[in-house]
Amino acid sequence: RTYSGRHLPPAPNQEVGRPTVERAADLFDRDGEMILCPRSTVL
């Protein structure tokens, strides 16, 4: 158990049909006001 479990076996060709890691990470960037959660507090 010094390794993690996994639900599905590994899939090949991880870069085919996908953007670079940098471009994928751009999808997460907050570039203006934070979008508020309708339900949650910081707690």
Full PDB file with SEQRES, HELIX, SHEET, SSBOND, CRYST1, ORIGX, SCALE, CONECT and MASTER records, all heavy atoms in Angstrom:
SEQRES   1 A   43  ARG THR TYR SER GLY ARG HIS LEU PRO PRO ALA PRO ASN          
SEQRES   2 A   43  GLN GLU VAL GLY ARG PRO THR VAL GLU ARG ALA ALA ASP          
SEQRES   3 A   43  LEU PHE ASP ARG ASP GLY GLU MET ILE LEU CYS PRO ARG          
SEQRES   4 A   43  SER THR VAL LEU                                              
HELIX    1 AA1 VAL A   21  ALA A   25  1                                   5    
HELIX    2 AA2 ASP A   26  PHE A   28  5                                   3    
CRYST1    1.000    1.000    1.000  90.00  90.00  90.00 P 1           1          
ORIGX1      1.000000  0.000000  0.000000        0.00000                         
ORIGX2      0.000000  1.000000  0.000000        0.00000                         
ORIGX3      0.000000  0.000000  1.000000        0.00000                         
SCALE1      1.000000  0.000000  0.000000        0.00000                         
SCALE2      0.000000  1.000000  0.000000        0.00000                         
SCALE3      0.000000  0.000000  1.000000        0.00000                         
ATOM      1  N   ARG A   1       0.811  -1.219   0.000  1.00  0.00           N  
ATOM      2  CA  ARG A   1       0.000   0.000   0.000  1.00  0.00           C  
ATOM      3  C   ARG A   1       0.847   1.273   0.000  1.00  0.00           C  
ATOM      4  O   ARG A   1       0.316   2.355   0.229  1.00  0.00           O  
ATOM      5  CB  ARG A   1      -0.965  -0.026   1.186  1.00  0.00           C  
ATOM      6  CG  ARG A   1      -1.910  -1.221   1.112  1.00  0.00           C  
ATOM      7  CD  ARG A   1      -3.177  -1.031   1.897  1.00  0.00           C  
ATOM      8  NE  ARG A   1      -2.960  -0.721   3.297  1.00  0.00           N  
ATOM      9  CZ  ARG A   1      -3.891  -0.215   4.107  1.00  0.00           C  
ATOM     10  NH1 ARG A   1      -5.092   0.056   3.642  1.00  0.00           N  
ATOM     11  NH2 ARG A   1      -3.623   0.016   5.364  1.00  0.00           N  
ATOM     12  N   THR A   2       2.128   1.148  -0.278  1.00  0.00           N  
ATOM     13  CA  THR A   2       2.916   2.357  -0.539  1.00  0.00           C  
ATOM     14  C   THR A   2       2.659   2.849  -1.964  1.00  0.00           C  
ATOM     15  O   THR A   2       3.156   3.905  -2.356  1.00  0.00           O  
ATOM     16  CB  THR A   2       4.420   2.124  -0.341  1.00  0.00           C  
ATOM     17  OG1 THR A   2       4.885   1.166  -1.297  1.00  0.00           O  
ATOM     18  CG2 THR A   2       4.716   1.642   1.070  1.00  0.00           C  
ATOM     19  N   TYR A   3       1.892   2.076  -2.728  1.00  0.00           N  
ATOM     20  CA  TYR A   3       1.387   2.515  -4.023  1.00  0.00           C  
ATOM     21  C   TYR A   3      -0.099   2.828  -3.871  1.00  0.00           C  
ATOM     22  O   TYR A   3      -0.761   2.337  -2.954  1.00  0.00           O  
ATOM     23  CB  TYR A   3       1.580   1.433  -5.083  1.00  0.00           C  
ATOM     24  CG  TYR A   3       3.023   1.184  -5.439  1.00  0.00           C  
ATOM     25  CD1 TYR A   3       3.793   0.299  -4.680  1.00  0.00           C  
ATOM     26  CD2 TYR A   3       3.618   1.837  -6.497  1.00  0.00           C  
ATOM     27  CE1 TYR A   3       5.125   0.069  -4.983  1.00  0.00           C  
ATOM     28  CE2 TYR A   3       4.955   1.623  -6.813  1.00  0.00           C  
ATOM     29  CZ  TYR A   3       5.700   0.743  -6.051  1.00  0.00           C  
ATOM     30  OH  TYR A   3       7.024   0.533  -6.350  1.00  0.00           O  
ATOM     31  N   SER A   4      -0.636   3.635  -4.766  1.00  0.00           N  
ATOM     32  CA  SER A   4      -2.058   3.959  -4.742  1.00  0.00           C  
ATOM     33  C   SER A   4      -2.847   2.890  -5.488  1.00  0.00           C  
ATOM     34  O   SER A   4      -2.339   2.256  -6.419  1.00  0.00           O  
ATOM     35  CB  SER A   4      -2.307   5.321  -5.404  1.00  0.00           C  
ATOM     36  OG  SER A   4      -1.687   6.353  -4.679  1.00  0.00           O  
ATOM     37  N   GLY A   5      -4.102   2.720  -5.088  1.00  0.00           N  
ATOM     38  CA  GLY A   5      -4.989   1.878  -5.873  1.00  0.00           C  
ATOM     39  C   GLY A   5      -5.367   2.595  -7.161  1.00  0.00           C  
ATOM     40  O   GLY A   5      -5.119   3.797  -7.324  1.00  0.00           O  
ATOM     41  N   ARG A   6      -5.981   1.862  -8.090  1.00  0.00           N  
ATOM     42  CA  ARG A   6      -6.503   2.527  -9.288  1.00  0.00           C  
ATOM     43  C   ARG A   6      -7.746   1.769  -9.757  1.00  0.00           C  
ATOM     44  O   ARG A   6      -7.821   0.542  -9.692  1.00  0.00           O  
ATOM     45  CB  ARG A   6      -5.456   2.633 -10.395  1.00  0.00           C  
ATOM     46  CG  ARG A   6      -4.962   1.360 -11.019  1.00  0.00           C  
ATOM     47  CD  ARG A   6      -3.873   1.648 -12.054  1.00  0.00           C  
ATOM     48  NE  ARG A   6      -4.273   2.609 -13.052  1.00  0.00           N  
ATOM     49  CZ  ARG A   6      -3.432   3.402 -13.727  1.00  0.00           C  
ATOM     50  NH1 ARG A   6      -2.131   3.357 -13.501  1.00  0.00           N  
ATOM     51  NH2 ARG A   6      -3.877   4.245 -14.619  1.00  0.00           N  
ATOM     52  N   HIS A   7      -8.734   2.541 -10.231  1.00  0.00           N  
ATOM     53  CA  HIS A   7     -10.007   1.954 -10.633  1.00  0.00           C  
ATOM     54  C   HIS A   7      -9.959   1.345 -12.028  1.00  0.00           C  
ATOM     55  O   HIS A   7     -10.628   0.340 -12.290  1.00  0.00           O  
ATOM     56  CB  HIS A   7     -11.118   3.012 -10.590  1.00  0.00           C  
ATOM     57  CG  HIS A   7     -11.483   3.455  -9.212  1.00  0.00           C  
ATOM     58  ND1 HIS A   7     -11.970   2.595  -8.261  1.00  0.00           N  
ATOM     59  CD2 HIS A   7     -11.421   4.680  -8.611  1.00  0.00           C  
ATOM     60  CE1 HIS A   7     -12.214   3.260  -7.132  1.00  0.00           C  
ATOM     61  NE2 HIS A   7     -11.878   4.524  -7.320  1.00  0.00           N  
ATOM     62  N   LEU A   8      -9.229   1.960 -12.948  1.00  0.00           N  
ATOM     63  CA  LEU A   8      -9.158   1.483 -14.323  1.00  0.00           C  
ATOM     64  C   LEU A   8      -7.703   1.292 -14.734  1.00  0.00           C  
ATOM     65  O   LEU A   8      -6.813   2.005 -14.256  1.00  0.00           O  
ATOM     66  CB  LEU A   8      -9.827   2.475 -15.273  1.00  0.00           C  
ATOM     67  CG  LEU A   8     -11.359   2.561 -15.217  1.00  0.00           C  
ATOM     68  CD1 LEU A   8     -11.869   3.608 -16.207  1.00  0.00           C  
ATOM     69  CD2 LEU A   8     -12.005   1.209 -15.495  1.00  0.00           C  
ATOM     70  N   PRO A   9      -7.439   0.344 -15.628  1.00  0.00           N  
ATOM     71  CA  PRO A   9      -6.065   0.128 -16.078  1.00  0.00           C  
ATOM     72  C   PRO A   9      -5.538   1.321 -16.864  1.00  0.00           C  
ATOM     73  O   PRO A   9      -6.317   2.131 -17.377  1.00  0.00           O  
ATOM     74  CB  PRO A   9      -6.172  -1.119 -16.965  1.00  0.00           C  
ATOM     75  CG  PRO A   9      -7.597  -1.200 -17.363  1.00  0.00           C  
ATOM     76  CD  PRO A   9      -8.383  -0.603 -16.239  1.00  0.00           C  
ATOM     77  N   PRO A  10      -4.213   1.453 -16.967  1.00  0.00           N  
ATOM     78  CA  PRO A  10      -3.651   2.583 -17.705  1.00  0.00           C  
ATOM     79  C   PRO A  10      -4.008   2.522 -19.182  1.00  0.00           C  
ATOM     80  O   PRO A  10      -4.121   1.452 -19.774  1.00  0.00           O  
ATOM     81  CB  PRO A  10      -2.141   2.428 -17.476  1.00  0.00           C  
ATOM     82  CG  PRO A  10      -1.935   1.017 -17.065  1.00  0.00           C  
ATOM     83  CD  PRO A  10      -3.181   0.596 -16.370  1.00  0.00           C  
ATOM     84  N   ALA A  11      -4.187   3.717 -19.745  1.00  0.00           N  
ATOM     85  CA  ALA A  11      -4.518   3.838 -21.171  1.00  0.00           C  
ATOM     86  C   ALA A  11      -3.306   4.374 -21.921  1.00  0.00           C  
ATOM     87  O   ALA A  11      -2.591   5.249 -21.410  1.00  0.00           O  
ATOM     88  CB  ALA A  11      -5.709   4.771 -21.350  1.00  0.00           C  
ATOM     89  N   PRO A  12      -3.045   3.891 -23.126  1.00  0.00           N  
ATOM     90  CA  PRO A  12      -1.886   4.359 -23.891  1.00  0.00           C  
ATOM     91  C   PRO A  12      -2.147   5.697 -24.570  1.00  0.00           C  
ATOM     92  O   PRO A  12      -3.263   6.228 -24.544  1.00  0.00           O  
ATOM     93  CB  PRO A  12      -1.708   3.250 -24.934  1.00  0.00           C  
ATOM     94  CG  PRO A  12      -3.111   2.742 -25.156  1.00  0.00           C  
ATOM     95  CD  PRO A  12      -3.797   2.842 -23.819  1.00  0.00           C  
ATOM     96  N   ASN A  13      -1.108   6.234 -25.193  1.00  0.00           N  
ATOM     97  CA  ASN A  13      -1.216   7.423 -26.056  1.00  0.00           C  
ATOM     98  C   ASN A  13      -1.866   8.604 -25.349  1.00  0.00           C  
ATOM     99  O   ASN A  13      -2.860   9.164 -25.809  1.00  0.00           O  
ATOM    100  CB  ASN A  13      -2.001   7.073 -27.334  1.00  0.00           C  
ATOM    101  CG  ASN A  13      -1.394   5.915 -28.093  1.00  0.00           C  
ATOM    102  OD1 ASN A  13      -0.166   5.814 -28.192  1.00  0.00           O  
ATOM    103  ND2 ASN A  13      -2.232   5.037 -28.618  1.00  0.00           N  
ATOM    104  N   GLN A  14      -1.291   8.995 -24.231  1.00  0.00           N  
ATOM    105  CA  GLN A  14      -1.868  10.056 -23.413  1.00  0.00           C  
ATOM    106  C   GLN A  14      -1.832  11.433 -24.091  1.00  0.00           C  
ATOM    107  O   GLN A  14      -2.590  12.316 -23.737  1.00  0.00           O  
ATOM    108  CB  GLN A  14      -1.141  10.121 -22.077  1.00  0.00           C  
ATOM    109  CG  GLN A  14      -1.480   8.988 -21.138  1.00  0.00           C  
ATOM    110  CD  GLN A  14      -2.914   9.061 -20.638  1.00  0.00           C  
ATOM    111  OE1 GLN A  14      -3.329  10.063 -20.083  1.00  0.00           O  
ATOM    112  NE2 GLN A  14      -3.684   8.011 -20.846  1.00  0.00           N  
ATOM    113  N   GLU A  15      -0.957  11.655 -25.042  1.00  0.00           N  
ATOM    114  CA  GLU A  15      -0.831  12.978 -25.653  1.00  0.00           C  
ATOM    115  C   GLU A  15      -1.618  13.107 -26.949  1.00  0.00           C  
ATOM    116  O   GLU A  15      -1.776  14.211 -27.465  1.00  0.00           O  
ATOM    117  CB  GLU A  15       0.651  13.283 -25.920  1.00  0.00           C  
ATOM    118  CG  GLU A  15       1.546  13.192 -24.684  1.00  0.00           C  
ATOM    119  CD  GLU A  15       1.106  14.118 -23.559  1.00  0.00           C  
ATOM    120  OE1 GLU A  15       0.605  15.222 -23.855  1.00  0.00           O  
ATOM    121  OE2 GLU A  15       1.254  13.739 -22.387  1.00  0.00           O  
ATOM    122  N   VAL A  16      -2.114  12.004 -27.496  1.00  0.00           N  
ATOM    123  CA  VAL A  16      -2.812  12.048 -28.781  1.00  0.00           C  
ATOM    124  C   VAL A  16      -4.182  12.705 -28.604  1.00  0.00           C  
ATOM    125  O   VAL A  16      -4.970  12.309 -27.745  1.00  0.00           O  
ATOM    126  CB  VAL A  16      -2.968  10.629 -29.364  1.00  0.00           C  
ATOM    127  CG1 VAL A  16      -3.795  10.674 -30.655  1.00  0.00           C  
ATOM    128  CG2 VAL A  16      -1.609  10.013 -29.614  1.00  0.00           C  
ATOM    129  N   GLY A  17      -4.454  13.715 -29.422  1.00  0.00           N  
ATOM    130  CA  GLY A  17      -5.748  14.386 -29.389  1.00  0.00           C  
ATOM    131  C   GLY A  17      -5.934  15.332 -28.232  1.00  0.00           C  
ATOM    132  O   GLY A  17      -7.055  15.798 -27.988  1.00  0.00           O  
ATOM    133  N   ARG A  18      -4.847  15.622 -27.507  1.00  0.00           N  
ATOM    134  CA  ARG A  18      -4.943  16.471 -26.322  1.00  0.00           C  
ATOM    135  C   ARG A  18      -3.985  17.653 -26.414  1.00  0.00           C  
ATOM    136  O   ARG A  18      -2.957  17.568 -27.098  1.00  0.00           O  
ATOM    137  CB  ARG A  18      -4.620  15.662 -25.064  1.00  0.00           C  
ATOM    138  CG  ARG A  18      -5.640  14.589 -24.762  1.00  0.00           C  
ATOM    139  CD  ARG A  18      -5.268  13.771 -23.544  1.00  0.00           C  
ATOM    140  NE  ARG A  18      -6.337  12.848 -23.190  1.00  0.00           N  
ATOM    141  CZ  ARG A  18      -6.268  11.963 -22.217  1.00  0.00           C  
ATOM    142  NH1 ARG A  18      -5.160  11.866 -21.484  1.00  0.00           N  
ATOM    143  NH2 ARG A  18      -7.281  11.161 -21.957  1.00  0.00           N  
ATOM    144  N   PRO A  19      -4.273  18.724 -25.690  1.00  0.00           N  
ATOM    145  CA  PRO A  19      -3.356  19.867 -25.670  1.00  0.00           C  
ATOM    146  C   PRO A  19      -2.142  19.562 -24.792  1.00  0.00           C  
ATOM    147  O   PRO A  19      -2.104  18.549 -24.084  1.00  0.00           O  
ATOM    148  CB  PRO A  19      -4.205  20.971 -25.061  1.00  0.00           C  
ATOM    149  CG  PRO A  19      -5.136  20.257 -24.145  1.00  0.00           C  
ATOM    150  CD  PRO A  19      -5.450  18.945 -24.847  1.00  0.00           C  
ATOM    151  N   THR A  20      -1.162  20.442 -24.826  1.00  0.00           N  
ATOM    152  CA  THR A  20      -0.053  20.322 -23.888  1.00  0.00           C  
ATOM    153  C   THR A  20      -0.576  20.488 -22.464  1.00  0.00           C  
ATOM    154  O   THR A  20      -1.683  20.993 -22.242  1.00  0.00           O  
ATOM    155  CB  THR A  20       1.000  21.398 -24.162  1.00  0.00           C  
ATOM    156  OG1 THR A  20       0.408  22.689 -23.911  1.00  0.00           O  
ATOM    157  CG2 THR A  20       1.520  21.325 -25.594  1.00  0.00           C  
ATOM    158  N   VAL A  21       0.212  20.070 -21.510  1.00  0.00           N  
ATOM    159  CA  VAL A  21      -0.172  20.231 -20.109  1.00  0.00           C  
ATOM    160  C   VAL A  21      -0.411  21.700 -19.786  1.00  0.00           C  
ATOM    161  O   VAL A  21      -1.359  22.061 -19.074  1.00  0.00           O  
ATOM    162  CB  VAL A  21       0.906  19.622 -19.184  1.00  0.00           C  
ATOM    163  CG1 VAL A  21       0.615  19.958 -17.727  1.00  0.00           C  
ATOM    164  CG2 VAL A  21       0.970  18.114 -19.361  1.00  0.00           C  
ATOM    165  N   GLU A  22       0.447  22.573 -20.311  1.00  0.00           N  
ATOM    166  CA  GLU A  22       0.296  24.020 -20.066  1.00  0.00           C  
ATOM    167  C   GLU A  22      -1.043  24.532 -20.587  1.00  0.00           C  
ATOM    168  O   GLU A  22      -1.747  25.278 -19.899  1.00  0.00           O  
ATOM    169  CB  GLU A  22       1.444  24.785 -20.724  1.00  0.00           C  
ATOM    170  CG  GLU A  22       2.779  24.670 -19.999  1.00  0.00           C  
ATOM    171  CD  GLU A  22       2.862  25.610 -18.803  1.00  0.00           C  
ATOM    172  OE1 GLU A  22       1.962  26.458 -18.654  1.00  0.00           O  
ATOM    173  OE2 GLU A  22       3.810  25.484 -18.019  1.00  0.00           O  
ATOM    174  N   ARG A  23      -1.404  24.143 -21.807  1.00  0.00           N  
ATOM    175  CA  ARG A  23      -2.674  24.615 -22.386  1.00  0.00           C  
ATOM    176  C   ARG A  23      -3.871  24.019 -21.658  1.00  0.00           C  
ATOM    177  O   ARG A  23      -4.909  24.667 -21.509  1.00  0.00           O  
ATOM    178  CB  ARG A  23      -2.753  24.277 -23.871  1.00  0.00           C  
ATOM    179  CG  ARG A  23      -1.839  25.119 -24.765  1.00  0.00           C  
ATOM    180  CD  ARG A  23      -2.324  25.071 -26.208  1.00  0.00           C  
ATOM    181  NE  ARG A  23      -3.511  25.887 -26.405  1.00  0.00           N  
ATOM    182  CZ  ARG A  23      -4.520  25.573 -27.227  1.00  0.00           C  
ATOM    183  NH1 ARG A  23      -4.487  24.424 -27.893  1.00  0.00           N  
ATOM    184  NH2 ARG A  23      -5.559  26.375 -27.366  1.00  0.00           N  
ATOM    185  N   ALA A  24      -3.738  22.782 -21.193  1.00  0.00           N  
ATOM    186  CA  ALA A  24      -4.828  22.195 -20.409  1.00  0.00           C  
ATOM    187  C   ALA A  24      -4.986  22.935 -19.084  1.00  0.00           C  
ATOM    188  O   ALA A  24      -6.106  23.190 -18.626  1.00  0.00           O  
ATOM    189  CB  ALA A  24      -4.560  20.707 -20.177  1.00  0.00           C  
ATOM    190  N   ALA A  25      -3.868  23.297 -18.463  1.00  0.00           N  
ATOM    191  CA  ALA A  25      -3.920  24.024 -17.188  1.00  0.00           C  
ATOM    192  C   ALA A  25      -4.530  25.408 -17.354  1.00  0.00           C  
ATOM    193  O   ALA A  25      -5.116  25.954 -16.396  1.00  0.00           O  
ATOM    194  CB  ALA A  25      -2.522  24.126 -16.585  1.00  0.00           C  
ATOM    195  N   ASP A  26      -4.410  26.003 -18.553  1.00  0.00           N  
ATOM    196  CA  ASP A  26      -5.030  27.314 -18.801  1.00  0.00           C  
ATOM    197  C   ASP A  26      -6.528  27.288 -18.540  1.00  0.00           C  
ATOM    198  O   ASP A  26      -7.133  28.320 -18.223  1.00  0.00           O  
ATOM    199  CB  ASP A  26      -4.791  27.755 -20.251  1.00  0.00           C  
ATOM    200  CG  ASP A  26      -3.337  28.094 -20.532  1.00  0.00           C  
ATOM    201  OD1 ASP A  26      -2.573  28.302 -19.575  1.00  0.00           O  
ATOM    202  OD2 ASP A  26      -2.968  28.150 -21.728  1.00  0.00           O  
ATOM    203  N   LEU A  27      -7.137  26.100 -18.677  1.00  0.00           N  
ATOM    204  CA  LEU A  27      -8.579  25.979 -18.486  1.00  0.00           C  
ATOM    205  C   LEU A  27      -9.004  26.241 -17.039  1.00  0.00           C  
ATOM    206  O   LEU A  27     -10.183  26.456 -16.771  1.00  0.00           O  
ATOM    207  CB  LEU A  27      -9.039  24.568 -18.881  1.00  0.00           C  
ATOM    208  CG  LEU A  27      -8.951  24.233 -20.376  1.00  0.00           C  
ATOM    209  CD1 LEU A  27      -9.066  22.732 -20.583  1.00  0.00           C  
ATOM    210  CD2 LEU A  27     -10.045  24.968 -21.135  1.00  0.00           C  
ATOM    211  N   PHE A  28      -8.058  26.198 -16.124  1.00  0.00           N  
ATOM    212  CA  PHE A  28      -8.394  26.380 -14.712  1.00  0.00           C  
ATOM    213  C   PHE A  28      -8.153  27.805 -14.224  1.00  0.00           C  
ATOM    214  O   PHE A  28      -8.612  28.175 -13.142  1.00  0.00           O  
ATOM    215  CB  PHE A  28      -7.578  25.399 -13.857  1.00  0.00           C  
ATOM    216  CG  PHE A  28      -7.970  23.967 -14.056  1.00  0.00           C  
ATOM    217  CD1 PHE A  28      -7.425  23.216 -15.087  1.00  0.00           C  
ATOM    218  CD2 PHE A  28      -8.907  23.370 -13.230  1.00  0.00           C  
ATOM    219  CE1 PHE A  28      -7.795  21.893 -15.281  1.00  0.00           C  
ATOM    220  CE2 PHE A  28      -9.292  22.041 -13.418  1.00  0.00           C  
ATOM    221  CZ  PHE A  28      -8.731  21.309 -14.449  1.00  0.00           C  
ATOM    222  N   ASP A  29      -7.449  28.613 -14.998  1.00  0.00           N  
ATOM    223  CA  ASP A  29      -7.000  29.925 -14.517  1.00  0.00           C  
ATOM    224  C   ASP A  29      -8.158  30.867 -14.211  1.00  0.00           C  
ATOM    225  O   ASP A  29      -9.078  31.036 -15.030  1.00  0.00           O  
ATOM    226  CB  ASP A  29      -6.096  30.592 -15.558  1.00  0.00           C  
ATOM    227  CG  ASP A  29      -4.742  29.919 -15.654  1.00  0.00           C  
ATOM    228  OD1 ASP A  29      -4.443  29.069 -14.802  1.00  0.00           O  
ATOM    229  OD2 ASP A  29      -3.993  30.252 -16.597  1.00  0.00           O  
ATOM    230  N   ARG A  30      -8.114  31.475 -13.037  1.00  0.00           N  
ATOM    231  CA  ARG A  30      -9.053  32.549 -12.660  1.00  0.00           C  
ATOM    232  C   ARG A  30      -8.493  33.844 -13.215  1.00  0.00           C  
ATOM    233  O   ARG A  30      -7.476  34.342 -12.735  1.00  0.00           O  
ATOM    234  CB  ARG A  30      -9.191  32.604 -11.142  1.00  0.00           C  
ATOM    235  CG  ARG A  30     -10.151  33.687 -10.642  1.00  0.00           C  
ATOM    236  CD  ARG A  30     -10.153  33.709  -9.107  1.00  0.00           C  
ATOM    237  NE  ARG A  30     -10.669  32.473  -8.535  1.00  0.00           N  
ATOM    238  CZ  ARG A  30     -10.446  32.069  -7.296  1.00  0.00           C  
ATOM    239  NH1 ARG A  30      -9.693  32.802  -6.487  1.00  0.00           N  
ATOM    240  NH2 ARG A  30     -10.955  30.930  -6.850  1.00  0.00           N  
ATOM    241  N   ASP A  31      -9.159  34.409 -14.221  1.00  0.00           N  
ATOM    242  CA  ASP A  31      -8.621  35.604 -14.871  1.00  0.00           C  
ATOM    243  C   ASP A  31      -9.437  36.856 -14.579  1.00  0.00           C  
ATOM    244  O   ASP A  31      -9.315  37.875 -15.250  1.00  0.00           O  
ATOM    245  CB  ASP A  31      -8.499  35.397 -16.379  1.00  0.00           C  
ATOM    246  CG  ASP A  31      -9.827  34.993 -17.025  1.00  0.00           C  
ATOM    247  OD1 ASP A  31     -10.859  35.000 -16.313  1.00  0.00           O  
ATOM    248  OD2 ASP A  31      -9.835  34.676 -18.227  1.00  0.00           O  
ATOM    249  N   GLY A  32     -10.266  36.781 -13.582  1.00  0.00           N  
ATOM    250  CA  GLY A  32     -11.071  37.934 -13.194  1.00  0.00           C  
ATOM    251  C   GLY A  32     -11.659  37.698 -11.818  1.00  0.00           C  
ATOM    252  O   GLY A  32     -11.012  37.133 -10.938  1.00  0.00           O  
ATOM    253  N   GLU A  33     -12.895  38.132 -11.619  1.00  0.00           N  
ATOM    254  CA  GLU A  33     -13.565  37.918 -10.343  1.00  0.00           C  
ATOM    255  C   GLU A  33     -13.831  36.430 -10.105  1.00  0.00           C  
ATOM    256  O   GLU A  33     -14.144  35.688 -11.032  1.00  0.00           O  
ATOM    257  CB  GLU A  33     -14.893  38.678 -10.313  1.00  0.00           C  
ATOM    258  CG  GLU A  33     -14.743  40.182 -10.234  1.00  0.00           C  
ATOM    259  CD  GLU A  33     -14.138  40.632  -8.922  1.00  0.00           C  
ATOM    260  OE1 GLU A  33     -14.544  40.094  -7.867  1.00  0.00           O  
ATOM    261  OE2 GLU A  33     -13.253  41.500  -8.963  1.00  0.00           O  
ATOM    262  N   MET A  34     -13.699  36.018  -8.865  1.00  0.00           N  
ATOM    263  CA  MET A  34     -13.993  34.635  -8.519  1.00  0.00           C  
ATOM    264  C   MET A  34     -15.469  34.333  -8.753  1.00  0.00           C  
ATOM    265  O   MET A  34     -16.348  35.140  -8.415  1.00  0.00           O  
ATOM    266  CB  MET A  34     -13.651  34.384  -7.051  1.00  0.00           C  
ATOM    267  CG  MET A  34     -13.925  32.962  -6.578  1.00  0.00           C  
ATOM    268  SD  MET A  34     -13.524  32.704  -4.833  1.00  0.00           S  
ATOM    269  CE  MET A  34     -14.884  33.583  -4.044  1.00  0.00           C  
ATOM    270  N   ILE A  35     -15.752  33.182  -9.365  1.00  0.00           N  
ATOM    271  CA  ILE A  35     -17.123  32.708  -9.504  1.00  0.00           C  
ATOM    272  C   ILE A  35     -17.523  32.080  -8.173  1.00  0.00           C  
ATOM    273  O   ILE A  35     -16.865  31.160  -7.682  1.00  0.00           O  
ATOM    274  CB  ILE A  35     -17.242  31.670 -10.630  1.00  0.00           C  
ATOM    275  CG1 ILE A  35     -16.667  32.227 -11.936  1.00  0.00           C  
ATOM    276  CG2 ILE A  35     -18.696  31.244 -10.819  1.00  0.00           C  
ATOM    277  CD1 ILE A  35     -16.446  31.169 -13.002  1.00  0.00           C  
ATOM    278  N   LEU A  36     -18.581  32.581  -7.557  1.00  0.00           N  
ATOM    279  CA  LEU A  36     -18.961  32.149  -6.214  1.00  0.00           C  
ATOM    280  C   LEU A  36     -19.707  30.830  -6.236  1.00  0.00           C  
ATOM    281  O   LEU A  36     -20.529  30.566  -7.121  1.00  0.00           O  
ATOM    282  CB  LEU A  36     -19.830  33.214  -5.548  1.00  0.00           C  
ATOM    283  CG  LEU A  36     -19.158  34.560  -5.264  1.00  0.00           C  
ATOM    284  CD1 LEU A  36     -20.198  35.575  -4.807  1.00  0.00           C  
ATOM    285  CD2 LEU A  36     -18.076  34.404  -4.207  1.00  0.00           C  
ATOM    286  N   CYS A  37     -19.430  30.007  -5.246  1.00  0.00           N  
ATOM    287  CA  CYS A  37     -20.202  28.781  -5.049  1.00  0.00           C  
ATOM    288  C   CYS A  37     -21.583  29.171  -4.507  1.00  0.00           C  
ATOM    289  O   CYS A  37     -21.681  30.026  -3.618  1.00  0.00           O  
ATOM    290  CB  CYS A  37     -19.499  27.865  -4.053  1.00  0.00           C  
ATOM    291  SG  CYS A  37     -20.414  26.330  -3.718  1.00  0.00           S  
ATOM    292  N   PRO A  38     -22.667  28.595  -5.033  1.00  0.00           N  
ATOM    293  CA  PRO A  38     -24.001  28.967  -4.547  1.00  0.00           C  
ATOM    294  C   PRO A  38     -24.291  28.460  -3.134  1.00  0.00           C  
ATOM    295  O   PRO A  38     -25.284  28.866  -2.541  1.00  0.00           O  
ATOM    296  CB  PRO A  38     -24.936  28.299  -5.559  1.00  0.00           C  
ATOM    297  CG  PRO A  38     -24.159  27.131  -6.063  1.00  0.00           C  
ATOM    298  CD  PRO A  38     -22.730  27.582  -6.096  1.00  0.00           C  
ATOM    299  N   ARG A  39     -23.408  27.612  -2.599  1.00  0.00           N  
ATOM    300  CA  ARG A  39     -23.775  26.905  -1.371  1.00  0.00           C  
ATOM    301  C   ARG A  39     -22.712  26.937  -0.279  1.00  0.00           C  
ATOM    302  O   ARG A  39     -23.038  26.916   0.913  1.00  0.00           O  
ATOM    303  CB  ARG A  39     -24.079  25.454  -1.750  1.00  0.00           C  
ATOM    304  CG  ARG A  39     -24.648  24.587  -0.662  1.00  0.00           C  
ATOM    305  CD  ARG A  39     -25.066  23.250  -1.230  1.00  0.00           C  
ATOM    306  NE  ARG A  39     -25.446  22.316  -0.178  1.00  0.00           N  
ATOM    307  CZ  ARG A  39     -26.614  22.307   0.436  1.00  0.00           C  
ATOM    308  NH1 ARG A  39     -27.539  23.186   0.091  1.00  0.00           N  
ATOM    309  NH2 ARG A  39     -26.876  21.424   1.388  1.00  0.00           N  
ATOM    310  N   SER A  40     -21.429  26.984  -0.636  1.00  0.00           N  
ATOM    311  CA  SER A  40     -20.364  26.697   0.322  1.00  0.00           C  
ATOM    312  C   SER A  40     -19.692  27.931   0.883  1.00  0.00           C  
ATOM    313  O   SER A  40     -19.536  28.947   0.198  1.00  0.00           O  
ATOM    314  CB  SER A  40     -19.283  25.827  -0.341  1.00  0.00           C  
ATOM    315  OG  SER A  40     -19.823  24.640  -0.841  1.00  0.00           O  
ATOM    316  N   THR A  41     -19.238  27.806   2.127  1.00  0.00           N  
ATOM    317  CA  THR A  41     -18.390  28.812   2.742  1.00  0.00           C  
ATOM    318  C   THR A  41     -16.935  28.345   2.704  1.00  0.00           C  
ATOM    319  O   THR A  41     -16.639  27.189   2.378  1.00  0.00           O  
ATOM    320  CB  THR A  41     -18.795  29.055   4.204  1.00  0.00           C  
ATOM    321  OG1 THR A  41     -18.482  27.875   4.975  1.00  0.00           O  
ATOM    322  CG2 THR A  41     -20.271  29.377   4.333  1.00  0.00           C  
ATOM    323  N   VAL A  42     -16.038  29.242   3.078  1.00  0.00           N  
ATOM    324  CA  VAL A  42     -14.623  28.895   3.136  1.00  0.00           C  
ATOM    325  C   VAL A  42     -14.373  27.782   4.155  1.00  0.00           C  
ATOM    326  O   VAL A  42     -13.439  26.983   3.990  1.00  0.00           O  
ATOM    327  CB  VAL A  42     -13.791  30.155   3.455  1.00  0.00           C  
ATOM    328  CG1 VAL A  42     -12.366  29.813   3.868  1.00  0.00           C  
ATOM    329  CG2 VAL A  42     -13.767  31.084   2.235  1.00  0.00           C  
ATOM    330  N   LEU A  43     -15.214  27.677   5.184  1.00  0.00           N  
ATOM    331  CA  LEU A  43     -15.043  26.599   6.164  1.00  0.00           C  
ATOM    332  C   LEU A  43     -15.125  25.233   5.485  1.00  0.00           C  
ATOM    333  O   LEU A  43     -14.405  24.304   5.857  1.00  0.00           O  
ATOM    334  CB  LEU A  43     -16.093  26.706   7.268  1.00  0.00           C  
ATOM    335  CG  LEU A  43     -15.934  25.688   8.408  1.00  0.00           C  
ATOM    336  CD1 LEU A  43     -14.649  25.948   9.193  1.00  0.00           C  
ATOM    337  CD2 LEU A  43     -17.140  25.714   9.340  1.00  0.00           C  
TER     338      LEU A  43                                                      
MASTER        0    0    0    2    0    0    0    6  337    1    0    4          
END                                                                             
